[in-house]
Protein backbone atom coordinates (compact mmCIF):
# COMPACT_ATOMS: atom_id res chain seq x y z
CA MET A 1 58.44 9.19 89.90
CA ILE A 2 56.10 12.25 89.31
CA ILE A 3 56.85 12.23 85.74
CA ASP A 4 55.95 8.53 85.46
CA LEU A 5 52.66 9.14 87.21
CA ALA A 6 51.93 12.06 84.84
CA SER A 7 52.76 9.83 81.95
CA TYR A 8 50.24 7.18 83.18
CA ALA A 9 47.65 9.87 83.90
CA GLY A 10 48.04 11.28 80.47
CA LEU A 11 47.58 7.76 78.81
CA PHE A 12 44.54 7.14 80.93
CA THR A 13 43.02 10.57 80.08
CA ALA A 14 43.65 10.19 76.40
CA ALA A 15 42.22 6.66 76.39
CA PHE A 16 39.27 7.67 78.43
CA GLY A 17 38.62 10.67 76.28
CA ALA A 18 39.00 8.75 73.04
CA ALA A 19 36.13 6.54 73.97
CA THR A 20 33.80 9.41 74.81
CA ILE A 21 32.52 12.55 72.99
CA LEU A 22 36.02 14.22 73.22
CA PRO A 23 37.96 14.37 70.05
CA MET A 24 41.00 12.54 71.37
CA GLN A 25 43.22 9.72 70.25
CA SER A 26 44.99 7.32 72.57
CA GLU A 27 47.07 5.41 70.18
CA PRO A 28 49.75 7.94 69.63
CA VAL A 29 50.16 8.38 73.48
CA LEU A 30 50.55 4.65 74.02
CA VAL A 31 52.96 4.14 71.18
CA GLY A 32 55.01 7.19 72.34
CA LEU A 33 55.35 5.71 75.90
CA LEU A 34 56.01 2.32 74.50
CA LEU A 35 58.93 3.65 72.35
CA THR A 36 60.54 5.34 75.42
CA GLY A 37 61.19 1.80 76.83
CA LYS A 38 60.88 3.26 80.34
CA PHE A 39 57.45 1.84 81.20
CA PRO A 40 56.33 -1.69 81.88
CA VAL A 41 54.31 -2.84 78.90
CA LEU A 42 51.70 -4.64 80.89
CA VAL A 43 51.01 -1.53 83.01
CA LEU A 44 50.66 0.62 79.87
CA LEU A 45 48.23 -1.81 78.43
CA ALA A 46 46.28 -2.02 81.70
CA VAL A 47 46.08 1.80 82.05
CA ALA A 48 44.94 2.33 78.42
CA SER A 49 42.47 -0.53 78.49
CA VAL A 50 40.82 0.56 81.74
CA GLY A 51 40.63 4.11 80.67
CA ASN A 52 39.13 3.38 77.37
CA THR A 53 36.66 0.97 78.85
CA LEU A 54 35.68 3.55 81.38
CA GLY A 55 35.16 6.01 78.64
CA SER A 56 32.74 3.63 76.83
CA ILE A 57 30.90 3.04 80.06
CA VAL A 58 30.18 6.94 79.89
CA ASN A 59 28.73 6.23 76.53
CA TRP A 60 26.55 3.46 78.01
CA PHE A 61 25.13 5.79 80.37
CA LEU A 62 24.61 8.44 77.88
CA GLY A 63 22.69 5.90 76.00
CA ARG A 64 20.53 5.18 79.15
CA GLY A 65 19.46 8.82 78.96
CA ILE A 66 19.41 9.36 75.24
CA GLU A 67 15.95 10.72 75.01
CA ARG A 68 16.96 13.68 77.17
CA PHE A 69 20.18 14.37 75.27
CA ARG A 70 19.72 13.18 71.75
CA ASP A 71 19.22 16.53 70.24
CA ARG A 72 22.11 18.09 72.00
CA ARG A 73 25.05 19.22 69.73
CA TRP A 74 27.67 17.66 71.83
CA PHE A 75 26.04 14.20 71.82
CA PRO A 76 28.75 11.74 70.60
CA VAL A 77 26.55 9.97 67.90
CA GLY A 78 24.63 11.47 64.96
CA GLU A 79 21.13 10.29 64.33
CA GLU A 80 22.11 8.27 61.21
CA ALA A 81 25.00 6.48 62.96
CA LEU A 82 22.78 5.78 66.03
CA GLU A 83 20.09 4.25 63.74
CA ARG A 84 22.62 2.12 61.78
CA SER A 85 24.10 0.93 64.99
CA SER A 86 20.89 0.15 66.51
CA ARG A 87 20.01 -2.14 63.56
CA TRP A 88 23.23 -3.90 63.83
CA TYR A 89 22.83 -4.26 67.59
CA ARG A 90 19.28 -5.65 67.25
CA LYS A 91 20.57 -8.06 64.57
CA TYR A 92 23.60 -9.43 66.12
CA GLY A 93 23.17 -8.65 69.87
CA LYS A 94 25.59 -8.00 72.62
CA TRP A 95 28.41 -9.58 70.57
CA THR A 96 28.65 -6.52 68.33
CA LEU A 97 30.36 -5.00 71.33
CA LEU A 98 33.49 -6.82 70.26
CA LEU A 99 33.60 -4.25 67.54
CA SER A 100 33.57 -1.40 70.07
CA TRP A 101 37.27 -0.73 69.34
CA MET A 102 36.49 0.56 65.84
CA PRO A 103 36.69 4.35 65.29
CA VAL A 104 33.17 6.17 65.31
CA PHE A 105 31.17 3.04 64.73
CA GLY A 106 32.37 1.36 67.91
CA ASP A 107 31.53 4.56 70.05
CA ALA A 108 28.01 4.34 68.50
CA LEU A 109 27.49 0.80 69.56
CA THR A 110 28.45 1.51 73.17
CA VAL A 111 25.72 4.32 73.15
CA VAL A 112 23.25 1.95 71.51
CA ALA A 113 23.99 -0.69 74.15
CA GLY A 114 22.83 1.74 76.78
CA VAL A 115 19.80 2.61 74.67
CA LEU A 116 18.92 -0.98 74.32
CA LYS A 117 19.49 -1.55 78.05
CA GLU A 118 22.40 -4.07 77.71
CA PRO A 119 23.22 -5.31 81.30
CA LEU A 120 26.32 -3.33 82.44
CA LEU A 121 28.29 -6.28 83.48
CA ALA A 122 28.08 -8.01 80.18
CA PHE A 123 28.72 -4.62 78.37
CA THR A 124 31.76 -4.00 80.48
CA ILE A 125 33.33 -7.45 79.85
CA LEU A 126 32.82 -7.31 76.17
CA VAL A 127 34.07 -3.81 75.76
CA PHE A 128 37.03 -4.55 77.91
CA VAL A 129 38.02 -7.56 75.78
CA ALA A 130 37.59 -5.56 72.57
CA LYS A 131 39.44 -2.52 73.81
CA THR A 132 42.33 -4.59 75.31
CA GLY A 133 42.61 -6.62 72.14
CA ARG A 134 43.14 -3.48 70.02
CA TYR A 135 45.82 -2.15 72.45
CA VAL A 136 47.58 -5.60 72.43
CA VAL A 137 47.68 -5.61 68.67
CA LEU A 138 48.96 -2.04 68.63
CA THR A 139 51.59 -2.72 71.23
CA LEU A 140 52.81 -5.92 69.59
CA ALA A 141 53.05 -4.06 66.24
CA THR A 142 54.92 -1.21 67.85
CA LEU A 143 57.38 -3.39 69.68
CA GLN A 144 57.94 -5.41 66.58
CA ILE A 145 58.73 -2.40 64.47
CA ALA A 146 60.85 -0.85 67.05
CA SER A 147 63.14 -3.90 67.43
């Protein structure tokens, strides 16, 4: 029971961290847990999706306070990536958040959404759909290859 909770906590932490400024990846953790066959697939999907979405919400809040933190070395998005993402976001609007699952570029979009004051509810729904979609595809591919 404790090992199961630790496994879920590890997946949540990896998913959360992967969506923030921390250099983490959640996909290997999810694949590893799926391959054990010990955990309910839907629970793993939920834990990874919620963790990754919450990590993106941290980026949204960073975006809201970007003027104070933009020049910090630890800030998750470089100036060039932030400008490129801002142009995309202004051109295509909140629907670009459906690309938030993409490495690097997706994280920049979640920061830009905060900078441009996207309402948190719309942000959360779109990011959750995107992040969950990525994990569903990864899960289906993993289970298909493993069987």
